[in-house]
Every structure is written in structure tokens, then in C-alpha cells.
Amino acid sequence: MTLTELRYIVTLAQEQHFGRAASKCSVSQPTLSVGVKKLEDELGVALFERTRNAVRVTPQGELIISQAQKVLEEALTIKQLAKAAHDQLSSSLRVGAIYTVGPYLFPHLVPQLAKRAANMPLYIEENFTAVLRRKLRMGELDAIIIALPFNEPDVLTTPLYDESFRVLLPCGHHLEQQAEIDPADLVQEHLLLLGEGHCFRDQLLEACPILVNKKEGATDIDGGGIEATSLETIRHMVASGMGVSVLPQSAVVDHHYAPNLLSTRPFRKPVPGRTVALAWRASFPRPKAIDALIDALLQCSVG
């Protein structure tokens, strides 16, 4: 059994045609046919049903071909690891970020990383902290950008920047008259929050516990609060006069609206905020790629 033969059966299962499969494998049709038959004889199982007009995978063949696909993927990973040992900045880097960081950080990160690793394509993803945590553990992502605290076995973290929270108001709102906002000032307002699962929501309610009971008692805007799916959705609703909200400093800058639609105010001390950090597996085999990523992130201006 060879990797070449496994590639033959996986490709034949995909194409369901000997000629097309042979072309995709860059071999002659007789060569592919002989390789498939040789593997079937070795295994003692018919992997395909052959008719004049079609090739179909047998029930036994489905399980074997599925496993063969996994073997080929693992073999590719081995090659990538070997390549990375020679040039750690030559293959793609898969980076995830929480929803309240990605849209504001990635536009700065992409050009900064390109300066340091021009041959390292950047795959980016935005998701909830829990999903990013799982993907990091499973190897689906190489590094993730999250808010501290973040505790995970065999995962390293480094702080990137601290940012404060600010109150977002529609222009003309009575709270604009105050230089600083106390969390208690928001209790009587129509407060727009992110939905369950967003860590920024949890960070805000933890930093301003007076808002927790307000959130629990509000089911609609007339009750005092509603929930949104993203910070940009919240920004649009505040601009339309539906209520007030709180944003991290990096999300405050906006170029979509005229100056007379939105305004922000800082919180009264102690000002709530968060620390954004990078996390990656301690066993990740490309430390130079992580170093380049950290260097690029530290040069980003998101405030």
C-alpha cells in the first residue's frame, strides 16, 4: 500500500470516472487502473463497482476511502512541517480574532505583517472566544487574538494592548452635557448590548455590575435594553436614535457617518477596559511566524 495508490482511489471516488481520475493524477488510465486493482487485491475488498458507463464506490470502499483521505491529509501536514523547518515564514498563517477586535485590528495587521513576511499568506477568521479556543486546540487555527484572562493548558499568551471602554451616544443626547459618564447614568437609558456569547458583553457587565440587573429585567427597548449581533449593528442603531451603548476604544473611530450623528464620552474613574492578547499553542512548530505576528501586532494602531 502506497500513498500514490491511496491518492488513486480517493481521486477515482471523487471523479467516478477512470479517465478523468487518471488525468487529475497525471498518469495514464491503465496505470491508474492497475494501481487501484493492486490495492483492492492487497486489501481483499472491492472498493468500486465498475460498469460500462459508471464507477461507484462500494459500501466497504466508502469507509476505506474516507480513511485514505485522512492519511493523505496527514501526509501533507508532514510535508508542510518539514517545509516550515526550512522557512517558517513561507506558508500560510491561520489567525482568528474575537468579533469585537477583528474588524478594527485586521485592516492594520495585514499590511504590517506583509512588511515582515511577504511570502506568508494570512488566513483570518472572526468568531466567539469559545469557538476560537476549540479551533486553536484542534490545530484549525495557529494563533488567536482574544481578551484576557484566557487560561488554556499548553497555550502561551502575550498582551498586545490595553483599551478603555467609551459610551456611544446619538448627537443631542442629554448625556453629552457630562464630561464623564458614571455607569449608574446608563441604568435609565435604552442600552444596546451585544448578544449572549460575546466576551465584550461579559466584560462590560463585569466591569459595570450595576448594569447586570438592568439587562436581566429588560426584554425590549421599552423595557430598557435590546441586544445586537455586532458592534457595527449597535453603531447603526445608536445613530438612528434607538438608544445608547458602550464600545471599546478601538471601535470608536468611524468614517461612515457625518460628524453630527454620533458622539462618545469617557467613563468616570475607575474606567472599565480590557487587555487584548495573542494566544498560541506552545507546541506550534513555527516560532518565527509567531514572532513576526507579534511584532506586526505591536505596531498596529487601533485606537
Protein backbone atom coordinates (compact mmCIF):
# COMPACT_ATOMS: atom_id res chain seq x y z
CA MET A 1 0.00 0.00 0.00
CA THR A 2 1.45 3.37 -1.05
CA LEU A 3 0.40 7.00 -0.80
CA THR A 4 0.17 7.02 -4.60
CA GLU A 5 -2.36 4.19 -4.55
CA LEU A 6 -4.36 5.95 -1.83
CA ARG A 7 -4.40 9.06 -3.99
CA TYR A 8 -5.67 6.98 -6.91
CA ILE A 9 -8.68 5.64 -5.02
CA VAL A 10 -9.55 8.98 -3.44
CA THR A 11 -9.43 10.73 -6.82
CA LEU A 12 -11.40 7.96 -8.52
CA ALA A 13 -14.07 8.21 -5.82
CA GLN A 14 -14.31 11.96 -6.44
CA GLU A 15 -14.39 11.77 -10.24
CA GLN A 16 -16.29 8.47 -10.64
CA HIS A 17 -14.54 8.08 -14.00
CA PHE A 18 -11.20 6.34 -14.71
CA GLY A 19 -10.18 8.73 -17.48
CA ARG A 20 -10.80 11.92 -15.50
CA ALA A 21 -9.20 10.45 -12.38
CA ALA A 22 -6.10 9.43 -14.34
CA SER A 23 -5.84 12.91 -15.85
CA LYS A 24 -6.14 14.53 -12.43
CA CYS A 25 -3.39 12.23 -11.09
CA SER A 26 -1.21 12.94 -14.15
CA VAL A 27 -0.93 9.26 -15.12
CA SER A 28 -2.30 7.09 -17.90
CA GLN A 29 -5.64 5.36 -17.42
CA PRO A 30 -4.06 1.86 -17.47
CA THR A 31 -1.56 2.93 -14.77
CA LEU A 32 -4.36 4.16 -12.52
CA SER A 33 -6.48 1.05 -13.18
CA VAL A 34 -3.57 -1.24 -12.31
CA GLY A 35 -2.84 0.72 -9.12
CA VAL A 36 -6.47 0.56 -7.95
CA LYS A 37 -6.74 -3.18 -8.72
CA LYS A 38 -3.44 -3.85 -6.93
CA LEU A 39 -4.71 -2.12 -3.77
CA GLU A 40 -8.05 -3.97 -3.92
CA ASP A 41 -6.19 -7.29 -4.21
CA GLU A 42 -3.95 -6.40 -1.27
CA LEU A 43 -6.92 -5.46 0.91
CA GLY A 44 -9.11 -8.28 -0.32
CA VAL A 45 -12.03 -5.85 -0.75
CA ALA A 46 -13.74 -4.43 -3.84
CA LEU A 47 -13.60 -0.67 -3.45
CA PHE A 48 -15.53 0.16 -6.64
CA GLU A 49 -18.35 -1.21 -8.73
CA ARG A 50 -17.36 -0.97 -12.38
CA THR A 51 -19.89 -0.80 -15.20
CA ARG A 52 -19.57 0.29 -18.80
CA ASN A 53 -20.83 3.79 -18.05
CA ALA A 54 -20.08 4.43 -14.37
CA VAL A 55 -17.80 3.81 -11.42
CA ARG A 56 -19.40 3.67 -7.98
CA VAL A 57 -17.86 3.31 -4.53
CA THR A 58 -18.91 0.16 -2.65
CA PRO A 59 -20.17 0.40 0.95
CA GLN A 60 -16.90 -1.13 2.16
CA GLY A 61 -14.98 1.21 -0.09
CA GLU A 62 -16.58 4.32 1.42
CA LEU A 63 -15.02 3.67 4.82
CA ILE A 64 -11.61 2.83 3.38
CA ILE A 65 -11.55 5.82 1.03
CA SER A 66 -12.59 8.15 3.85
CA GLN A 67 -9.65 6.89 5.90
CA ALA A 68 -7.36 7.18 2.88
CA GLN A 69 -8.31 10.86 2.57
CA LYS A 70 -7.30 11.42 6.19
CA VAL A 71 -3.97 9.66 5.59
CA LEU A 72 -3.25 11.88 2.60
CA GLU A 73 -4.08 14.98 4.63
CA GLU A 74 -1.73 13.87 7.41
CA ALA A 75 1.00 13.18 4.87
CA LEU A 76 0.58 16.71 3.53
CA THR A 77 0.90 18.05 7.08
CA ILE A 78 4.21 16.22 7.46
CA LYS A 79 5.49 17.86 4.28
CA GLN A 80 4.35 21.26 5.50
CA LEU A 81 6.12 20.75 8.82
CA ALA A 82 9.32 19.82 7.01
CA LYS A 83 9.00 22.88 4.79
CA ALA A 84 8.38 25.07 7.80
CA ALA A 85 11.61 23.83 9.37
CA HIS A 86 13.50 25.36 6.45
CA ASP A 87 11.48 28.58 6.11
CA GLN A 88 8.95 29.28 8.82
CA LEU A 89 7.65 32.37 7.01
CA SER A 90 6.81 30.71 3.68
CA SER A 91 3.46 29.01 4.37
CA SER A 92 0.14 30.50 5.42
CA LEU A 93 -0.60 31.52 8.99
CA ARG A 94 -4.14 30.98 10.31
CA VAL A 95 -5.17 33.67 12.78
CA GLY A 96 -8.52 34.11 14.50
CA ALA A 97 -9.88 37.06 16.45
CA ILE A 98 -12.94 37.77 18.55
CA TYR A 99 -15.71 39.70 16.81
CA THR A 100 -15.07 42.91 18.73
CA VAL A 101 -11.38 43.01 17.74
CA GLY A 102 -11.07 41.57 14.23
CA PRO A 103 -12.83 44.27 12.17
CA TYR A 104 -10.73 47.02 13.78
CA LEU A 105 -7.37 45.25 14.03
CA PHE A 106 -7.11 43.22 10.80
CA PRO A 107 -7.00 46.23 8.42
CA HIS A 108 -3.87 47.39 10.28
CA LEU A 109 -2.38 43.91 10.74
CA VAL A 110 -2.46 42.77 7.10
CA PRO A 111 -0.06 45.45 5.75
CA GLN A 112 2.15 45.33 8.84
CA LEU A 113 2.62 41.55 8.55
CA ALA A 114 3.22 41.81 4.80
CA LYS A 115 6.22 44.06 5.54
CA ARG A 116 7.75 41.39 7.77
CA ALA A 117 6.74 38.18 5.98
CA ALA A 118 5.78 38.90 2.39
CA ASN A 119 5.65 35.19 1.48
CA MET A 120 3.41 34.20 4.40
CA PRO A 121 -0.28 34.43 3.37
CA LEU A 122 -2.59 35.33 6.23
CA TYR A 123 -5.83 33.38 6.74
CA ILE A 124 -8.10 35.29 9.10
CA GLU A 125 -11.31 34.38 10.90
CA GLU A 126 -13.62 36.12 13.37
CA ASN A 127 -15.57 34.15 15.95
CA PHE A 128 -16.59 33.79 19.58
CA THR A 129 -13.88 33.14 22.18
CA ALA A 130 -15.19 29.61 22.86
CA VAL A 131 -15.04 28.68 19.17
CA LEU A 132 -11.58 30.19 18.73
CA ARG A 133 -10.38 28.30 21.81
CA ARG A 134 -11.58 24.99 20.35
CA LYS A 135 -10.11 25.66 16.91
CA LEU A 136 -6.77 26.56 18.45
CA ARG A 137 -6.70 23.33 20.44
CA MET A 138 -7.67 21.27 17.36
CA GLY A 139 -5.00 22.87 15.19
CA GLU A 140 -7.53 24.56 12.91
CA LEU A 141 -6.04 27.94 13.86
CA ASP A 142 -2.41 28.72 14.60
CA ALA A 143 -2.98 31.76 16.84
CA ILE A 144 -5.95 33.69 18.18
CA ILE A 145 -6.48 37.25 19.36
CA ILE A 146 -8.64 37.37 22.47
CA ALA A 147 -9.21 39.39 25.64
CA LEU A 148 -7.58 38.41 28.92
CA PRO A 149 -7.97 36.46 31.09
CA PHE A 150 -7.52 33.43 28.85
CA ASN A 151 -6.37 30.22 30.50
CA GLU A 152 -5.76 27.06 28.48
CA PRO A 153 -3.28 24.21 29.13
CA ASP A 154 -0.18 24.24 26.90
CA VAL A 155 -1.17 27.59 25.37
CA LEU A 156 1.03 30.68 25.60
CA THR A 157 -0.26 34.26 25.67
CA THR A 158 1.27 37.70 25.33
CA PRO A 159 -0.55 41.01 25.94
CA LEU A 160 -0.85 43.30 22.90
CA TYR A 161 -2.58 46.46 24.13
CA ASP A 162 -4.95 47.83 26.75
CA GLU A 163 -8.04 49.78 25.76
CA SER A 164 -10.72 51.58 27.72
CA PHE A 165 -14.46 51.47 27.12
CA ARG A 166 -16.39 54.56 26.00
CA VAL A 167 -20.07 55.44 25.95
CA LEU A 168 -21.56 55.87 22.47
CA LEU A 169 -24.35 58.44 22.18
CA PRO A 170 -26.52 59.89 19.42
CA CYS A 171 -25.73 63.57 18.99
CA GLY A 172 -28.06 65.76 21.02
CA HIS A 173 -28.45 63.18 23.80
CA HIS A 174 -28.66 64.71 27.26
CA LEU A 175 -25.60 62.74 28.47
CA GLU A 176 -23.46 64.77 26.07
CA GLN A 177 -23.60 67.54 28.67
CA GLN A 178 -21.44 65.41 31.01
CA ALA A 179 -17.67 65.29 30.59
CA GLU A 180 -17.58 61.78 32.12
CA ILE A 181 -20.22 59.07 32.46
CA ASP A 182 -20.91 57.05 35.57
CA PRO A 183 -22.24 53.52 34.89
CA ALA A 184 -25.25 54.45 37.06
CA ASP A 185 -26.12 57.07 34.43
CA LEU A 186 -26.89 54.27 31.97
CA VAL A 187 -29.41 52.48 34.14
CA GLN A 188 -32.30 54.63 32.94
CA GLU A 189 -31.18 54.61 29.29
CA HIS A 190 -32.14 52.34 26.40
CA LEU A 191 -28.91 50.32 26.48
CA LEU A 192 -27.90 48.39 23.37
CA LEU A 193 -25.82 45.29 24.17
CA LEU A 194 -24.20 42.50 22.19
CA GLY A 195 -25.96 39.14 22.41
CA GLU A 196 -25.02 36.15 24.53
CA GLY A 197 -21.65 34.58 23.70
CA HIS A 198 -19.78 37.83 23.05
CA CYS A 199 -17.00 38.24 25.59
CA PHE A 200 -17.17 42.04 25.33
CA ARG A 201 -20.71 41.89 26.71
CA ASP A 202 -19.45 39.85 29.68
CA GLN A 203 -16.51 42.20 30.22
CA LEU A 204 -18.80 45.22 30.25
CA LEU A 205 -21.28 43.70 32.71
CA GLU A 206 -18.44 42.52 34.94
CA ALA A 207 -16.84 45.99 34.93
CA CYS A 208 -20.22 47.70 35.45
CA PRO A 209 -22.21 45.31 37.67
CA ILE A 210 -24.92 47.93 38.17
CA LEU A 211 -25.99 47.15 34.60
CA VAL A 212 -26.48 43.41 35.23
CA ASN A 213 -29.90 43.70 36.83
CA LYS A 214 -30.95 46.18 34.16
CA LYS A 215 -30.02 43.67 31.47
CA GLU A 216 -31.86 40.83 33.19
CA GLY A 217 -35.02 42.88 33.56
CA ALA A 218 -35.09 44.25 30.01
CA THR A 219 -36.64 42.28 27.17
CA ASP A 220 -37.22 45.06 24.65
CA ILE A 221 -36.40 48.68 24.05
CA ASP A 222 -39.35 49.89 26.09
CA GLY A 223 -38.07 47.79 28.99
CA GLY A 224 -34.67 49.46 28.79
CA GLY A 225 -32.39 47.38 26.57
CA ILE A 226 -32.05 45.30 23.41
CA GLU A 227 -29.33 43.04 22.03
CA ALA A 228 -27.38 43.25 18.75
CA THR A 229 -25.17 40.88 16.78
CA SER A 230 -22.15 43.16 16.20
CA LEU A 231 -20.65 46.45 17.28
CA GLU A 232 -21.35 47.87 13.83
CA THR A 233 -25.04 46.97 14.16
CA ILE A 234 -25.03 48.73 17.53
CA ARG A 235 -23.38 51.80 15.99
CA HIS A 236 -26.10 51.98 13.32
CA MET A 237 -28.88 51.70 15.91
CA VAL A 238 -27.34 54.42 18.11
CA ALA A 239 -27.00 56.67 15.06
CA SER A 240 -30.69 56.12 14.31
CA GLY A 241 -31.63 57.17 17.84
CA MET A 242 -32.64 53.77 19.22
CA GLY A 243 -30.52 54.07 22.35
CA VAL A 244 -27.01 54.34 23.76
CA SER A 245 -24.23 51.79 24.02
CA VAL A 246 -20.63 51.13 25.07
CA LEU A 247 -17.74 50.43 22.68
CA PRO A 248 -14.10 49.50 23.18
CA GLN A 249 -11.78 52.38 22.29
CA SER A 250 -10.59 50.65 19.09
CA ALA A 251 -14.15 50.58 17.72
CA VAL A 252 -14.91 54.24 18.39
CA VAL A 253 -13.35 55.71 15.25
CA ASP A 254 -15.87 55.66 12.41
CA HIS A 255 -15.82 57.08 8.89
CA HIS A 256 -19.34 56.07 7.80
CA TYR A 257 -21.30 58.83 9.48
CA ALA A 258 -21.28 62.61 9.36
CA PRO A 259 -19.82 64.30 12.48
CA ASN A 260 -23.23 65.40 13.76
CA LEU A 261 -24.75 61.92 14.23
CA LEU A 262 -22.64 60.23 16.92
CA SER A 263 -20.53 61.26 19.90
CA THR A 264 -18.67 59.47 22.68
CA ARG A 265 -17.87 60.17 26.31
CA PRO A 266 -15.35 58.52 28.64
CA PHE A 267 -16.37 56.71 31.80
CA ARG A 268 -15.68 58.16 35.22
CA LYS A 269 -12.74 56.55 37.03
CA PRO A 270 -12.14 53.71 37.54
CA VAL A 271 -12.55 53.45 33.77
CA PRO A 272 -13.62 49.97 32.60
CA GLY A 273 -11.42 48.40 29.95
CA ARG A 274 -9.77 45.23 28.71
CA THR A 275 -6.41 43.77 27.69
CA VAL A 276 -6.24 42.27 24.19
CA ALA A 277 -3.73 39.44 23.81
CA LEU A 278 -2.39 36.84 21.38
CA ALA A 279 -2.61 33.13 22.25
CA TRP A 280 -0.92 30.19 20.51
CA ARG A 281 -0.06 26.56 21.23
CA ALA A 282 3.27 26.08 22.97
CA SER A 283 3.98 23.21 20.56
CA PHE A 284 3.40 25.28 17.39
CA PRO A 285 6.40 24.40 15.17
CA ARG A 286 6.89 27.87 13.61
CA PRO A 287 8.02 30.20 16.41
CA LYS A 288 9.47 32.69 13.88
CA ALA A 289 5.99 33.10 12.38
CA ILE A 290 4.57 33.87 15.83
CA ASP A 291 7.40 36.35 16.46
CA ALA A 292 6.63 38.12 13.15
CA LEU A 293 2.93 38.19 14.02
CA ILE A 294 3.55 39.66 17.48
CA ASP A 295 5.90 42.27 16.05
CA ALA A 296 3.30 43.27 13.45
CA LEU A 297 0.50 43.39 16.03
CA LEU A 298 2.51 45.60 18.36
CA GLN A 299 2.97 48.08 15.52
CA CYS A 300 -0.74 48.25 14.75
CA SER A 301 -2.63 51.42 15.67
CA VAL A 302 -6.24 50.55 16.53
CA GLY A 303 -7.21 53.37 18.82
